[in-house]
PDB file of N, CA and C in Angstrom:
ATOM      1  N   MET A   1      50.998 -93.548  26.774  1.00  0.00           N
ATOM      2  CA  MET A   1      51.474 -93.784  25.425  1.00  0.00           C
ATOM      3  C   MET A   1      51.540 -95.273  25.181  1.00  0.00           C
ATOM      4  N   SER A   2      51.081 -95.676  24.023  1.00  0.00           N
ATOM      5  CA  SER A   2      51.168 -97.092  23.686  1.00  0.00           C
ATOM      6  C   SER A   2      52.249 -97.284  22.637  1.00  0.00           C
ATOM      7  N   ASN A   3      52.913 -98.391  22.745  1.00  0.00           N
ATOM      8  CA  ASN A   3      53.936 -98.727  21.770  1.00  0.00           C
ATOM      9  C   ASN A   3      53.272 -99.253  20.512  1.00  0.00           C
ATOM     10  N   PRO A   4      53.865 -99.014  19.343  1.00  0.00           N
ATOM     11  CA  PRO A   4      53.227 -99.471  18.104  1.00  0.00           C
ATOM     12  C   PRO A   4      53.070-100.992  18.041  1.00  0.00           C
ATOM     13  N   GLY A   5      53.933-101.736  18.699  1.00  0.00           N
ATOM     14  CA  GLY A   5      53.860-103.192  18.634  1.00  0.00           C
ATOM     15  C   GLY A   5      52.891-103.796  19.637  1.00  0.00           C
ATOM     16  N   ASN A   6      52.448-103.012  20.608  1.00  0.00           N
ATOM     17  CA  ASN A   6      51.554-103.535  21.636  1.00  0.00           C
ATOM     18  C   ASN A   6      50.134-103.045  21.397  1.00  0.00           C
ATOM     19  N   ALA A   7      49.188-103.964  21.507  1.00  0.00           N
ATOM     20  CA  ALA A   7      47.787-103.578  21.385  1.00  0.00           C
ATOM     21  C   ALA A   7      47.320-103.039  22.741  1.00  0.00           C
ATOM     22  N   PRO A   8      46.513-102.007  22.735  1.00  0.00           N
ATOM     23  CA  PRO A   8      46.018-101.492  24.011  1.00  0.00           C
ATOM     24  C   PRO A   8      45.101-102.517  24.675  1.00  0.00           C
ATOM     25  N   ALA A   9      45.094-102.501  25.989  1.00  0.00           N
ATOM     26  CA  ALA A   9      44.264-103.434  26.725  1.00  0.00           C
ATOM     27  C   ALA A   9      42.790-103.127  26.469  1.00  0.00           C
ATOM     28  N   GLN A  10      42.029-104.181  26.186  1.00  0.00           N
ATOM     29  CA  GLN A  10      40.616-104.002  25.887  1.00  0.00           C
ATOM     30  C   GLN A  10      39.812-104.115  27.176  1.00  0.00           C
ATOM     31  N   SER A  11      39.001-103.134  27.436  1.00  0.00           N
ATOM     32  CA  SER A  11      38.180-103.120  28.632  1.00  0.00           C
ATOM     33  C   SER A  11      36.782-103.601  28.280  1.00  0.00           C
ATOM     34  N   ASN A  12      36.265-104.537  29.061  1.00  0.00           N
ATOM     35  CA  ASN A  12      34.925-105.037  28.832  1.00  0.00           C
ATOM     36  C   ASN A  12      34.012-104.482  29.924  1.00  0.00           C
ATOM     37  N   THR A  13      33.412-103.357  29.643  1.00  0.00           N
ATOM     38  CA  THR A  13      32.629-102.627  30.629  1.00  0.00           C
ATOM     39  C   THR A  13      31.431-103.432  31.116  1.00  0.00           C
ATOM     40  N   PHE A  14      30.745-104.118  30.201  1.00  0.00           N
ATOM     41  CA  PHE A  14      29.577-104.898  30.602  1.00  0.00           C
ATOM     42  C   PHE A  14      29.954-105.997  31.582  1.00  0.00           C
ATOM     43  N   ALA A  15      31.098-106.628  31.363  1.00  0.00           N
ATOM     44  CA  ALA A  15      31.541-107.692  32.268  1.00  0.00           C
ATOM     45  C   ALA A  15      31.852-107.132  33.653  1.00  0.00           C
ATOM     46  N   VAL A  16      32.497-105.987  33.695  1.00  0.00           N
ATOM     47  CA  VAL A  16      32.837-105.363  34.974  1.00  0.00           C
ATOM     48  C   VAL A  16      31.571-104.954  35.723  1.00  0.00           C
ATOM     49  N   VAL A  17      30.629-104.331  35.025  1.00  0.00           N
ATOM     50  CA  VAL A  17      29.380-103.899  35.667  1.00  0.00           C
ATOM     51  C   VAL A  17      28.581-105.113  36.131  1.00  0.00           C
ATOM     52  N   SER A  18      28.555-106.175  35.339  1.00  0.00           N
ATOM     53  CA  SER A  18      27.870-107.401  35.735  1.00  0.00           C
ATOM     54  C   SER A  18      28.481-107.979  37.007  1.00  0.00           C
ATOM     55  N   LEU A  19      29.793-107.991  37.071  1.00  0.00           N
ATOM     56  CA  LEU A  19      30.488-108.503  38.250  1.00  0.00           C
ATOM     57  C   LEU A  19      30.193-107.644  39.482  1.00  0.00           C
ATOM     58  N   VAL A  20      30.244-106.340  39.329  1.00  0.00           N
ATOM     59  CA  VAL A  20      29.989-105.428  40.456  1.00  0.00           C
ATOM     60  C   VAL A  20      28.544-105.560  40.935  1.00  0.00           C
ATOM     61  N   LEU A  21      27.593-105.607  40.014  1.00  0.00           N
ATOM     62  CA  LEU A  21      26.193-105.745  40.410  1.00  0.00           C
ATOM     63  C   LEU A  21      25.935-107.097  41.064  1.00  0.00           C
ATOM     64  N   GLY A  22      26.605-108.131  40.588  1.00  0.00           N
ATOM     65  CA  GLY A  22      26.472-109.435  41.218  1.00  0.00           C
ATOM     66  C   GLY A  22      26.988-109.434  42.647  1.00  0.00           C
ATOM     67  N   ILE A  23      28.122-108.784  42.864  1.00  0.00           N
ATOM     68  CA  ILE A  23      28.690-108.703  44.219  1.00  0.00           C
ATOM     69  C   ILE A  23      27.788-107.881  45.135  1.00  0.00           C
ATOM     70  N   VAL A  24      27.365-106.716  44.661  1.00  0.00           N
ATOM     71  CA  VAL A  24      26.502-105.849  45.480  1.00  0.00           C
ATOM     72  C   VAL A  24      25.180-106.552  45.776  1.00  0.00           C
ATOM     73  N   GLY A  25      24.590-107.167  44.773  1.00  0.00           N
ATOM     74  CA  GLY A  25      23.327-107.867  44.969  1.00  0.00           C
ATOM     75  C   GLY A  25      23.449-109.024  45.933  1.00  0.00           C
ATOM     76  N   THR A  26      24.565-109.734  45.884  1.00  0.00           N
ATOM     77  CA  THR A  26      24.783-110.862  46.778  1.00  0.00           C
ATOM     78  C   THR A  26      24.958-110.396  48.214  1.00  0.00           C
ATOM     79  N   VAL A  27      25.712-109.336  48.403  1.00  0.00           N
ATOM     80  CA  VAL A  27      25.985-108.852  49.765  1.00  0.00           C
ATOM     81  C   VAL A  27      24.748-108.200  50.373  1.00  0.00           C
ATOM     82  N   VAL A  28      24.033-107.408  49.602  1.00  0.00           N
ATOM     83  CA  VAL A  28      22.929-106.616  50.130  1.00  0.00           C
ATOM     84  C   VAL A  28      21.594-107.359  50.050  1.00  0.00           C
ATOM     85  N   GLY A  29      21.535-108.442  49.276  1.00  0.00           N
ATOM     86  CA  GLY A  29      20.276-109.131  48.988  1.00  0.00           C
ATOM     87  C   GLY A  29      19.480-109.603  50.176  1.00  0.00           C
ATOM     88  N   LEU A  30      20.112-110.047  51.226  1.00  0.00           N
ATOM     89  CA  LEU A  30      19.361-110.520  52.395  1.00  0.00           C
ATOM     90  C   LEU A  30      18.749-109.381  53.188  1.00  0.00           C
ATOM     91  N   PHE A  31      19.427-108.256  53.233  1.00  0.00           N
ATOM     92  CA  PHE A  31      18.956-107.130  54.039  1.00  0.00           C
ATOM     93  C   PHE A  31      17.965-106.251  53.274  1.00  0.00           C
ATOM     94  N   VAL A  32      18.242-106.035  52.004  1.00  0.00           N
ATOM     95  CA  VAL A  32      17.345-105.259  51.136  1.00  0.00           C
ATOM     96  C   VAL A  32      17.102-106.113  49.890  1.00  0.00           C
ATOM     97  N   PRO A  33      16.106-107.009  49.946  1.00  0.00           N
ATOM     98  CA  PRO A  33      15.926-107.991  48.873  1.00  0.00           C
ATOM     99  C   PRO A  33      15.706-107.384  47.491  1.00  0.00           C
ATOM    100  N   ILE A  34      15.043-106.239  47.423  1.00  0.00           N
ATOM    101  CA  ILE A  34      14.778-105.638  46.112  1.00  0.00           C
ATOM    102  C   ILE A  34      16.078-105.256  45.414  1.00  0.00           C
ATOM    103  N   VAL A  35      17.072-104.839  46.177  1.00  0.00           N
ATOM    104  CA  VAL A  35      18.374-104.491  45.598  1.00  0.00           C
ATOM    105  C   VAL A  35      19.037-105.744  45.031  1.00  0.00           C
ATOM    106  N   GLY A  36      18.930-106.850  45.761  1.00  0.00           N
ATOM    107  CA  GLY A  36      19.512-108.096  45.280  1.00  0.00           C
ATOM    108  C   GLY A  36      18.872-108.585  44.000  1.00  0.00           C
ATOM    109  N   VAL A  37      17.542-108.524  43.939  1.00  0.00           N
ATOM    110  CA  VAL A  37      16.833-109.016  42.755  1.00  0.00           C
ATOM    111  C   VAL A  37      17.082-108.108  41.558  1.00  0.00           C
ATOM    112  N   ILE A  38      16.928-106.810  41.739  1.00  0.00           N
ATOM    113  CA  ILE A  38      17.109-105.888  40.610  1.00  0.00           C
ATOM    114  C   ILE A  38      18.567-105.873  40.158  1.00  0.00           C
ATOM    115  N   GLY A  39      19.494-105.799  41.113  1.00  0.00           N
ATOM    116  CA  GLY A  39      20.911-105.836  40.743  1.00  0.00           C
ATOM    117  C   GLY A  39      21.286-107.136  40.043  1.00  0.00           C
ATOM    118  N   GLY A  40      20.723-108.240  40.519  1.00  0.00           N
ATOM    119  CA  GLY A  40      21.001-109.530  39.898  1.00  0.00           C
ATOM    120  C   GLY A  40      20.459-109.633  38.484  1.00  0.00           C
ATOM    121  N   ILE A  41      19.258-109.138  38.268  1.00  0.00           N
ATOM    122  CA  ILE A  41      18.664-109.192  36.925  1.00  0.00           C
ATOM    123  C   ILE A  41      19.454-108.326  35.953  1.00  0.00           C
ATOM    124  N   ILE A  42      19.771-107.112  36.372  1.00  0.00           N
ATOM    125  CA  ILE A  42      20.546-106.225  35.486  1.00  0.00           C
ATOM    126  C   ILE A  42      21.933-106.815  35.235  1.00  0.00           C
ATOM    127  N   GLY A  43      22.562-107.338  36.285  1.00  0.00           N
ATOM    128  CA  GLY A  43      23.877-107.961  36.123  1.00  0.00           C
ATOM    129  C   GLY A  43      23.837-109.166  35.204  1.00  0.00           C
ATOM    130  N   LEU A  44      22.768-109.959  35.297  1.00  0.00           N
ATOM    131  CA  LEU A  44      22.624-111.130  34.433  1.00  0.00           C
ATOM    132  C   LEU A  44      22.457-110.719  32.974  1.00  0.00           C
ATOM    133  N   VAL A  45      21.629-109.724  32.735  1.00  0.00           N
ATOM    134  CA  VAL A  45      21.425-109.231  31.365  1.00  0.00           C
ATOM    135  C   VAL A  45      22.736-108.688  30.786  1.00  0.00           C
ATOM    136  N   LEU A  46      23.452-107.909  31.578  1.00  0.00           N
ATOM    137  CA  LEU A  46      24.727-107.356  31.100  1.00  0.00           C
ATOM    138  C   LEU A  46      25.774-108.453  30.901  1.00  0.00           C
ATOM    139  N   GLY A  47      25.774-109.464  31.773  1.00  0.00           N
ATOM    140  CA  GLY A  47      26.718-110.568  31.622  1.00  0.00           C
ATOM    141  C   GLY A  47      26.460-111.365  30.356  1.00  0.00           C
ATOM    142  N   ILE A  48      25.194-111.639  30.071  1.00  0.00           N
ATOM    143  CA  ILE A  48      24.852-112.360  28.837  1.00  0.00           C
ATOM    144  C   ILE A  48      25.208-111.513  27.626  1.00  0.00           C
ATOM    145  N   SER A  49      24.951-110.229  27.702  1.00  0.00           N
ATOM    146  CA  SER A  49      25.306-109.324  26.609  1.00  0.00           C
ATOM    147  C   SER A  49      26.824-109.268  26.402  1.00  0.00           C
ATOM    148  N   ALA A  50      27.571-109.254  27.505  1.00  0.00           N
ATOM    149  CA  ALA A  50      29.037-109.232  27.404  1.00  0.00           C
ATOM    150  C   ALA A  50      29.567-110.532  26.811  1.00  0.00           C
ATOM    151  N   ARG A  51      28.917-111.639  27.141  1.00  0.00           N
ATOM    152  CA  ARG A  51      29.350-112.933  26.592  1.00  0.00           C
ATOM    153  C   ARG A  51      29.171-112.958  25.074  1.00  0.00           C
ATOM    154  N   LYS A  52      28.083-112.344  24.577  1.00  0.00           N
ATOM    155  CA  LYS A  52      27.846-112.302  23.130  1.00  0.00           C
ATOM    156  C   LYS A  52      28.873-111.417  22.433  1.00  0.00           C
ATOM    157  N   ARG A  53      29.340-110.370  23.119  1.00  0.00           N
ATOM    158  CA  ARG A  53      30.334-109.468  22.535  1.00  0.00           C
ATOM    159  C   ARG A  53      31.740-110.044  22.563  1.00  0.00           C
ATOM    160  N   GLY A  54      31.966-111.025  23.424  1.00  0.00           N
ATOM    161  CA  GLY A  54      33.312-111.573  23.600  1.00  0.00           C
ATOM    162  C   GLY A  54      34.033-110.813  24.695  1.00  0.00           C
ATOM    163  N   GLY A  55      35.202-111.256  25.017  1.00  0.00           N
ATOM    164  CA  GLY A  55      35.954-110.589  26.063  1.00  0.00           C
ATOM    165  C   GLY A  55      36.485-111.600  27.060  1.00  0.00           C
ATOM    166  N   SER A  56      36.799-111.128  28.246  1.00  0.00           N
ATOM    167  CA  SER A  56      37.399-111.983  29.260  1.00  0.00           C
ATOM    168  C   SER A  56      36.341-112.929  29.827  1.00  0.00           C
ATOM    169  N   ARG A  57      36.441-114.195  29.458  1.00  0.00           N
ATOM    170  CA  ARG A  57      35.424-115.177  29.848  1.00  0.00           C
ATOM    171  C   ARG A  57      35.341-115.360  31.352  1.00  0.00           C
ATOM    172  N   GLY A  58      36.459-115.269  32.052  1.00  0.00           N
ATOM    173  CA  GLY A  58      36.443-115.468  33.494  1.00  0.00           C
ATOM    174  C   GLY A  58      35.613-114.427  34.212  1.00  0.00           C
ATOM    175  N   MET A  59      35.798-113.176  33.850  1.00  0.00           N
ATOM    176  CA  MET A  59      35.057-112.096  34.497  1.00  0.00           C
ATOM    177  C   MET A  59      33.574-112.163  34.129  1.00  0.00           C
ATOM    178  N   ILE A  60      33.284-112.510  32.893  1.00  0.00           N
ATOM    179  CA  ILE A  60      31.892-112.628  32.454  1.00  0.00           C
ATOM    180  C   ILE A  60      31.201-113.758  33.207  1.00  0.00           C
ATOM    181  N   THR A  61      31.869-114.903  33.299  1.00  0.00           N
ATOM    182  CA  THR A  61      31.284-116.045  34.006  1.00  0.00           C
ATOM    183  C   THR A  61      31.068-115.728  35.478  1.00  0.00           C
ATOM    184  N   ALA A  62      32.033-115.079  36.105  1.00  0.00           N
ATOM    185  CA  ALA A  62      31.884-114.703  37.512  1.00  0.00           C
ATOM    186  C   ALA A  62      30.717-113.734  37.687  1.00  0.00           C
ATOM    187  N   GLY A  63      30.569-112.784  36.785  1.00  0.00           N
ATOM    188  CA  GLY A  63      29.466-111.829  36.864  1.00  0.00           C
ATOM    189  C   GLY A  63      28.111-112.497  36.710  1.00  0.00           C
ATOM    190  N   VAL A  64      28.018-113.442  35.767  1.00  0.00           N
ATOM    191  CA  VAL A  64      26.755-114.152  35.545  1.00  0.00           C
ATOM    192  C   VAL A  64      26.416-115.012  36.762  1.00  0.00           C
ATOM    193  N   ILE A  65      27.391-115.746  37.274  1.00  0.00           N
ATOM    194  CA  ILE A  65      27.139-116.615  38.429  1.00  0.00           C
ATOM    195  C   ILE A  65      26.752-115.792  39.655  1.00  0.00           C
ATOM    196  N   LEU A  66      27.480-114.714  39.921  1.00  0.00           N
ATOM    197  CA  LEU A  66      27.143-113.878  41.078  1.00  0.00           C
ATOM    198  C   LEU A  66      25.790-113.189  40.908  1.00  0.00           C
ATOM    199  N   SER A  67      25.423-112.862  39.687  1.00  0.00           N
ATOM    200  CA  SER A  67      24.112-112.257  39.453  1.00  0.00           C
ATOM    201  C   SER A  67      22.999-113.261  39.726  1.00  0.00           C
ATOM    202  N   ILE A  68      23.204-114.505  39.319  1.00  0.00           N
ATOM    203  CA  ILE A  68      22.215-115.550  39.612  1.00  0.00           C
ATOM    204  C   ILE A  68      22.116-115.763  41.116  1.00  0.00           C
ATOM    205  N   VAL A  69      23.258-115.806  41.791  1.00  0.00           N
ATOM    206  CA  VAL A  69      23.264-115.960  43.248  1.00  0.00           C
ATOM    207  C   VAL A  69      22.555-114.769  43.906  1.00  0.00           C
ATOM    208  N   ALA A  70      22.757-113.570  43.386  1.00  0.00           N
ATOM    209  CA  ALA A  70      22.103-112.382  43.946  1.00  0.00           C
ATOM    210  C   ALA A  70      20.588-112.472  43.800  1.00  0.00           C
ATOM    211  N   ILE A  71      20.111-112.977  42.665  1.00  0.00           N
ATOM    212  CA  ILE A  71      18.669-113.135  42.472  1.00  0.00           C
ATOM    213  C   ILE A  71      18.122-114.146  43.480  1.00  0.00           C
ATOM    214  N   VAL A  72      18.808-115.270  43.636  1.00  0.00           N
ATOM    215  CA  VAL A  72      18.357-116.301  44.574  1.00  0.00           C
ATOM    216  C   VAL A  72      18.359-115.759  46.003  1.00  0.00           C
ATOM    217  N   ILE A  73      19.416-115.069  46.385  1.00  0.00           N
ATOM    218  CA  ILE A  73      19.487-114.506  47.739  1.00  0.00           C
ATOM    219  C   ILE A  73      18.414-113.439  47.939  1.00  0.00           C
ATOM    220  N   GLY A  74      18.147-112.644  46.913  1.00  0.00           N
ATOM    221  CA  GLY A  74      17.079-111.648  47.011  1.00  0.00           C
ATOM    222  C   GLY A  74      15.720-112.294  47.218  1.00  0.00           C
ATOM    223  N   VAL A  75      15.451-113.380  46.500  1.00  0.00           N
ATOM    224  CA  VAL A  75      14.181-114.097  46.670  1.00  0.00           C
ATOM    225  C   VAL A  75      14.098-114.699  48.075  1.00  0.00           C
ATOM    226  N   ILE A  76      15.210-115.277  48.547  1.00  0.00           N
ATOM    227  CA  ILE A  76      15.245-115.816  49.913  1.00  0.00           C
ATOM    228  C   ILE A  76      15.024-114.687  50.921  1.00  0.00           C
ATOM    229  N   GLY A  77      15.604-113.527  50.658  1.00  0.00           N
ATOM    230  CA  GLY A  77      15.396-112.375  51.531  1.00  0.00           C
ATOM    231  C   GLY A  77      13.938-111.949  51.576  1.00  0.00           C
ATOM    232  N   PHE A  78      13.252-111.974  50.414  1.00  0.00           N
ATOM    233  CA  PHE A  78      11.826-111.662  50.392  1.00  0.00           C
ATOM    234  C   PHE A  78      11.034-112.655  51.237  1.00  0.00           C
ATOM    235  N   ILE A  79      11.366-113.924  51.109  1.00  0.00           N
ATOM    236  CA  ILE A  79      10.661-114.960  51.873  1.00  0.00           C
ATOM    237  C   ILE A  79      10.898-114.775  53.373  1.00  0.00           C
ATOM    238  N   ILE A  80      12.144-114.537  53.751  1.00  0.00           N
ATOM    239  CA  ILE A  80      12.458-114.335  55.169  1.00  0.00           C
ATOM    240  C   ILE A  80      11.728-113.107  55.712  1.00  0.00           C
ATOM    241  N   ASN A  81      11.726-112.030  54.964  1.00  0.00           N
ATOM    242  CA  ASN A  81      11.018-110.814  55.403  1.00  0.00           C
ATOM    243  C   ASN A  81       9.518-111.058  55.518  1.00  0.00           C
ATOM    244  N   ALA A  82       8.929-111.814  54.586  1.00  0.00           N
ATOM    245  CA  ALA A  82       7.506-112.106  54.651  1.00  0.00           C
ATOM    246  C   ALA A  82       7.168-112.942  55.872  1.00  0.00           C
ATOM    247  N   VAL A  83       8.024-113.928  56.177  1.00  0.00           N
ATOM    248  CA  VAL A  83       7.774-114.768  57.353  1.00  0.00           C
ATOM    249  C   VAL A  83       7.915-113.953  58.630  1.00  0.00           C
ATOM    250  N   VAL A  84       8.932-113.135  58.710  1.00  0.00           N
ATOM    251  CA  VAL A  84       9.147-112.322  59.910  1.00  0.00           C
ATOM    252  C   VAL A  84       8.003-111.321  60.093  1.00  0.00           C
ATOM    253  N   LEU A  85       7.594-110.667  59.017  1.00  0.00           N
ATOM    254  CA  LEU A  85       6.523-109.671  59.128  1.00  0.00           C
ATOM    255  C   LEU A  85       5.168-110.322  59.416  1.00  0.00           C
ATOM    256  N   SER A  86       4.957-111.543  58.964  1.00  0.00           N
ATOM    257  CA  SER A  86       3.669-112.196  59.231  1.00  0.00           C
ATOM    258  C   SER A  86       3.563-112.682  60.660  1.00  0.00           C
ATOM    259  N   ASN A  87       4.706-112.860  61.335  1.00  0.00           N
ATOM    260  CA  ASN A  87       4.694-113.303  62.717  1.00  0.00           C
ATOM    261  C   ASN A  87       4.660-112.151  63.713  1.00  0.00           C
ATOM    262  N   MET A  88       4.596-110.937  63.249  1.00  0.00           N
ATOM    263  CA  MET A  88       4.575-109.786  64.152  1.00  0.00           C
ATOM    264  C   MET A  88       3.166-109.484  64.603  1.00  0.00           C
TER     265      MET A  88
END
């Protein structure tokens, strides 16, 4: 139940999903690079979309930054895998 004088808390779903995808992409990106790159791209798109809609700037910024880091780590993971596989 909400009180008439209090506004209900606004949930920014895109920001939360961007943050989660950024974290997952960052953690998994070195081991499974495709997950890092795809998760990072989707997280970045959702973070930019959430920024245009407004909402909690801290969570949006964290999601965008982690998504960029996930893309970079995914690319580094691809490079590491290519070097390792070429030396076999």
